[in-house]
Each structure stands twice: as structure tokens, then as C-alpha cells.
Amino acid sequence: MALVLSDRVKETSVTSGTGSVTLTGAFGGFVSFSAGIGNGNTTYYAIENDTRWEIGIGTYTSAGNSLSRDTVLGSSSSGSKITLDG
């Protein structure tokens, strides 16, 4: 498991709640986490959900195409995980 930083990685999601984010495909003009980060690697992430936001460090897992939210570095929710609407 390595820390991997990659430009132009962005995916959509319909995940609800505060758990891991299930990714549903690369956003136009970007690459997927699978292609840009790779299975089992950690990376910085940013999540936006309406006016809420969260930045942190997570781990990408190809089984289930998901990104865990391991460490929140900052958020609009006083530094905690934001609740996603889906």
C-alpha cells in the first residue's frame, strides 16, 4: 500500500451516509480511481455534496470500486465526515 497522487482523477457516486464511497465512473475528461490510483493504494480526496465538503486521505479498493474515508483533514462539518445524500 503506497500513497499515490495522480492528476485528473474524479468519479461520480450515489453513496449515502458517512461510510466508504462507492464510485460509479469517471467524470467527463477525468480518469477513474482504478486507472489513476490503483487497488490498495491511499490517496488524498475531496468530496463535494451540495454545499458540504470534505477533504481527507482514503484507500481505493477495486473490489466494489470504493474509496474509504480513513482520515478527515477538514470538512464543512467541523472536521468530521459529512453525510452524503446519494
N, C-alpha and C. Protein backbone atom coordinates (compact mmCIF):
# COMPACT_ATOMS: atom_id res chain seq x y z
N MET A 1 0.85 -1.17 0.00
CA MET A 1 0.00 0.00 0.00
C MET A 1 0.90 1.23 0.00
N ALA A 2 0.72 2.07 -1.01
CA ALA A 2 1.52 3.28 -1.15
C ALA A 2 0.61 4.50 -1.22
N LEU A 3 1.15 5.65 -0.90
CA LEU A 3 0.44 6.90 -1.11
C LEU A 3 0.65 7.28 -2.57
N VAL A 4 -0.44 7.38 -3.32
CA VAL A 4 -0.37 7.68 -4.75
C VAL A 4 -1.12 8.99 -5.01
N LEU A 5 -0.45 9.91 -5.69
CA LEU A 5 -1.08 11.16 -6.11
C LEU A 5 -1.13 11.14 -7.62
N SER A 6 -2.27 11.51 -8.17
CA SER A 6 -2.44 11.47 -9.62
C SER A 6 -3.34 12.62 -10.05
N ASP A 7 -2.97 13.28 -11.13
CA ASP A 7 -3.77 14.37 -11.66
C ASP A 7 -5.00 13.84 -12.39
N ARG A 8 -6.06 14.62 -12.35
CA ARG A 8 -7.27 14.41 -13.14
C ARG A 8 -7.98 13.10 -12.83
N VAL A 9 -8.10 12.77 -11.55
CA VAL A 9 -8.87 11.62 -11.10
C VAL A 9 -10.15 12.16 -10.48
N LYS A 10 -11.30 11.75 -11.02
CA LYS A 10 -12.58 12.23 -10.50
C LYS A 10 -13.67 11.26 -10.91
N GLU A 11 -14.45 10.82 -9.92
CA GLU A 11 -15.56 9.91 -10.21
C GLU A 11 -16.84 10.40 -9.55
N THR A 12 -17.94 9.95 -10.09
CA THR A 12 -19.25 10.24 -9.52
C THR A 12 -19.62 9.15 -8.53
N SER A 13 -20.65 9.43 -7.72
CA SER A 13 -21.12 8.45 -6.75
C SER A 13 -22.55 8.78 -6.36
N VAL A 14 -23.28 7.75 -5.96
CA VAL A 14 -24.63 7.94 -5.42
C VAL A 14 -24.69 7.40 -3.99
N THR A 15 -23.56 7.39 -3.31
CA THR A 15 -23.45 6.88 -1.95
C THR A 15 -24.19 7.78 -0.97
N SER A 16 -24.84 7.16 0.02
CA SER A 16 -25.49 7.88 1.11
C SER A 16 -24.78 7.55 2.41
N GLY A 17 -24.80 8.49 3.36
CA GLY A 17 -24.26 8.25 4.68
C GLY A 17 -22.83 8.70 4.85
N THR A 18 -22.14 8.11 5.84
CA THR A 18 -20.78 8.53 6.19
C THR A 18 -19.74 7.43 5.99
N GLY A 19 -20.12 6.33 5.35
CA GLY A 19 -19.19 5.22 5.13
C GLY A 19 -18.34 5.42 3.89
N SER A 20 -17.74 4.34 3.44
CA SER A 20 -16.95 4.35 2.21
C SER A 20 -17.80 4.80 1.03
N VAL A 21 -17.15 5.40 0.05
CA VAL A 21 -17.84 5.91 -1.13
C VAL A 21 -17.73 4.88 -2.24
N THR A 22 -18.88 4.42 -2.74
CA THR A 22 -18.89 3.54 -3.91
C THR A 22 -18.86 4.42 -5.15
N LEU A 23 -17.85 4.22 -5.97
CA LEU A 23 -17.63 5.05 -7.15
C LEU A 23 -18.37 4.47 -8.35
N THR A 24 -18.91 5.36 -9.18
CA THR A 24 -19.76 4.90 -10.29
C THR A 24 -19.27 5.31 -11.67
N GLY A 25 -18.02 5.73 -11.77
CA GLY A 25 -17.49 6.03 -13.10
C GLY A 25 -16.82 7.38 -13.17
N ALA A 26 -15.84 7.47 -14.04
CA ALA A 26 -15.08 8.70 -14.21
C ALA A 26 -15.96 9.82 -14.75
N PHE A 27 -15.75 11.00 -14.23
CA PHE A 27 -16.43 12.21 -14.70
C PHE A 27 -15.79 12.61 -16.02
N GLY A 28 -16.55 13.19 -16.93
CA GLY A 28 -16.06 13.54 -18.27
C GLY A 28 -14.70 14.24 -18.26
N GLY A 29 -13.74 13.75 -19.02
CA GLY A 29 -12.43 14.35 -19.12
C GLY A 29 -11.46 13.94 -18.02
N PHE A 30 -11.90 13.09 -17.09
CA PHE A 30 -11.07 12.63 -15.99
C PHE A 30 -10.84 11.13 -16.11
N VAL A 31 -9.96 10.59 -15.25
CA VAL A 31 -9.74 9.14 -15.21
C VAL A 31 -10.31 8.59 -13.91
N SER A 32 -10.53 7.28 -13.89
CA SER A 32 -11.09 6.62 -12.72
C SER A 32 -10.02 6.44 -11.64
N PHE A 33 -10.46 6.15 -10.41
CA PHE A 33 -9.54 5.83 -9.33
C PHE A 33 -8.76 4.56 -9.66
N SER A 34 -9.41 3.63 -10.32
CA SER A 34 -8.74 2.39 -10.71
C SER A 34 -7.54 2.68 -11.60
N ALA A 35 -7.72 3.54 -12.59
CA ALA A 35 -6.65 3.87 -13.53
C ALA A 35 -5.62 4.82 -12.92
N GLY A 36 -6.06 5.77 -12.11
CA GLY A 36 -5.15 6.79 -11.61
C GLY A 36 -4.50 6.49 -10.27
N ILE A 37 -5.16 5.70 -9.42
CA ILE A 37 -4.64 5.43 -8.07
C ILE A 37 -4.21 3.98 -7.92
N GLY A 38 -5.06 3.05 -8.31
CA GLY A 38 -4.72 1.62 -8.24
C GLY A 38 -5.17 0.97 -6.95
N ASN A 39 -5.47 -0.30 -7.04
CA ASN A 39 -6.01 -1.07 -5.93
C ASN A 39 -5.10 -1.08 -4.71
N GLY A 40 -5.69 -0.83 -3.54
CA GLY A 40 -4.97 -0.91 -2.28
C GLY A 40 -4.13 0.29 -1.93
N ASN A 41 -4.09 1.30 -2.79
CA ASN A 41 -3.27 2.48 -2.52
C ASN A 41 -4.08 3.57 -1.83
N THR A 42 -3.40 4.38 -1.04
CA THR A 42 -4.04 5.51 -0.39
C THR A 42 -3.81 6.76 -1.22
N THR A 43 -4.69 7.75 -1.03
CA THR A 43 -4.59 8.99 -1.77
C THR A 43 -5.33 10.09 -1.03
N TYR A 44 -5.04 11.31 -1.38
CA TYR A 44 -5.85 12.43 -0.91
C TYR A 44 -7.15 12.44 -1.69
N TYR A 45 -8.23 12.89 -1.06
CA TYR A 45 -9.50 13.00 -1.77
C TYR A 45 -10.22 14.28 -1.36
N ALA A 46 -11.15 14.69 -2.20
CA ALA A 46 -12.06 15.79 -1.90
C ALA A 46 -13.46 15.34 -2.30
N ILE A 47 -14.41 15.56 -1.41
CA ILE A 47 -15.81 15.23 -1.69
C ILE A 47 -16.62 16.51 -1.59
N GLU A 48 -17.50 16.73 -2.57
CA GLU A 48 -18.45 17.82 -2.53
C GLU A 48 -19.85 17.23 -2.63
N ASN A 49 -20.74 17.69 -1.79
CA ASN A 49 -22.13 17.23 -1.82
C ASN A 49 -23.00 18.45 -1.52
N ASP A 50 -23.56 19.04 -2.57
CA ASP A 50 -24.28 20.32 -2.47
C ASP A 50 -23.32 21.36 -1.88
N THR A 51 -23.64 21.93 -0.73
CA THR A 51 -22.77 22.95 -0.13
C THR A 51 -21.79 22.35 0.88
N ARG A 52 -21.89 21.06 1.13
CA ARG A 52 -20.99 20.39 2.09
C ARG A 52 -19.74 19.89 1.37
N TRP A 53 -18.63 19.83 2.12
CA TRP A 53 -17.36 19.38 1.54
C TRP A 53 -16.54 18.65 2.60
N GLU A 54 -15.63 17.82 2.10
CA GLU A 54 -14.74 17.05 2.97
C GLU A 54 -13.45 16.77 2.21
N ILE A 55 -12.31 16.94 2.87
CA ILE A 55 -11.03 16.52 2.29
C ILE A 55 -10.37 15.56 3.26
N GLY A 56 -9.62 14.61 2.71
CA GLY A 56 -9.01 13.64 3.59
C GLY A 56 -8.09 12.69 2.86
N ILE A 57 -7.77 11.62 3.55
CA ILE A 57 -6.94 10.55 2.99
C ILE A 57 -7.76 9.27 3.04
N GLY A 58 -7.82 8.56 1.92
CA GLY A 58 -8.59 7.33 1.85
C GLY A 58 -7.85 6.27 1.07
N THR A 59 -8.41 5.07 1.08
CA THR A 59 -7.82 3.92 0.38
C THR A 59 -8.78 3.44 -0.69
N TYR A 60 -8.26 3.30 -1.91
CA TYR A 60 -9.07 2.80 -3.02
C TYR A 60 -9.02 1.27 -3.04
N THR A 61 -10.19 0.63 -3.18
CA THR A 61 -10.30 -0.82 -3.30
C THR A 61 -11.05 -1.15 -4.58
N SER A 62 -10.42 -1.92 -5.46
CA SER A 62 -11.05 -2.24 -6.75
C SER A 62 -12.25 -3.16 -6.59
N ALA A 63 -12.21 -4.07 -5.60
CA ALA A 63 -13.38 -4.93 -5.33
C ALA A 63 -14.45 -4.03 -4.73
N GLY A 64 -15.50 -3.82 -5.47
CA GLY A 64 -16.54 -2.91 -5.02
C GLY A 64 -16.33 -1.48 -5.50
N ASN A 65 -15.21 -1.21 -6.16
CA ASN A 65 -14.88 0.12 -6.68
C ASN A 65 -15.20 1.20 -5.65
N SER A 66 -14.49 1.13 -4.50
CA SER A 66 -14.83 2.04 -3.41
C SER A 66 -13.60 2.78 -2.86
N LEU A 67 -13.89 3.90 -2.22
CA LEU A 67 -12.87 4.71 -1.57
C LEU A 67 -13.25 4.85 -0.11
N SER A 68 -12.39 4.34 0.78
CA SER A 68 -12.64 4.51 2.21
C SER A 68 -12.29 5.94 2.61
N ARG A 69 -12.87 6.39 3.68
CA ARG A 69 -12.62 7.73 4.19
C ARG A 69 -11.86 7.57 5.51
N ASP A 70 -10.55 7.29 5.41
CA ASP A 70 -9.75 6.90 6.56
C ASP A 70 -9.47 8.05 7.53
N THR A 71 -9.02 9.17 7.00
CA THR A 71 -8.64 10.31 7.83
C THR A 71 -9.22 11.59 7.24
N VAL A 72 -10.07 12.26 7.99
CA VAL A 72 -10.63 13.54 7.53
C VAL A 72 -9.67 14.64 7.95
N LEU A 73 -9.20 15.41 6.97
CA LEU A 73 -8.26 16.50 7.24
C LEU A 73 -8.99 17.82 7.46
N GLY A 74 -10.20 17.92 6.92
CA GLY A 74 -11.01 19.12 7.08
C GLY A 74 -12.36 18.89 6.45
N SER A 75 -13.37 19.60 6.93
CA SER A 75 -14.70 19.46 6.35
C SER A 75 -15.58 20.63 6.76
N SER A 76 -16.71 20.74 6.10
CA SER A 76 -17.70 21.74 6.46
C SER A 76 -18.52 21.28 7.66
N SER A 77 -18.21 20.11 8.19
CA SER A 77 -18.91 19.54 9.33
C SER A 77 -17.97 19.49 10.55
N SER A 78 -17.31 20.60 10.80
CA SER A 78 -16.41 20.75 11.95
C SER A 78 -15.31 19.69 11.98
N GLY A 79 -14.81 19.30 10.81
CA GLY A 79 -13.72 18.34 10.74
C GLY A 79 -14.14 16.88 10.77
N SER A 80 -15.44 16.63 10.77
CA SER A 80 -15.95 15.25 10.75
C SER A 80 -16.39 14.87 9.34
N LYS A 81 -16.66 13.59 9.13
CA LYS A 81 -17.19 13.15 7.85
C LYS A 81 -18.54 13.81 7.61
N ILE A 82 -18.75 14.25 6.35
CA ILE A 82 -20.06 14.78 6.01
C ILE A 82 -21.01 13.64 5.70
N THR A 83 -22.28 13.86 5.85
CA THR A 83 -23.28 12.86 5.49
C THR A 83 -23.64 13.09 4.03
N LEU A 84 -23.44 12.07 3.20
CA LEU A 84 -23.72 12.17 1.76
C LEU A 84 -25.20 11.87 1.50
N ASP A 85 -25.76 12.58 0.54
CA ASP A 85 -27.17 12.42 0.20
C ASP A 85 -27.45 11.33 -0.80
N GLY A 86 -26.43 10.89 -1.52
CA GLY A 86 -26.65 9.87 -2.53
C GLY A 86 -26.87 10.45 -3.89
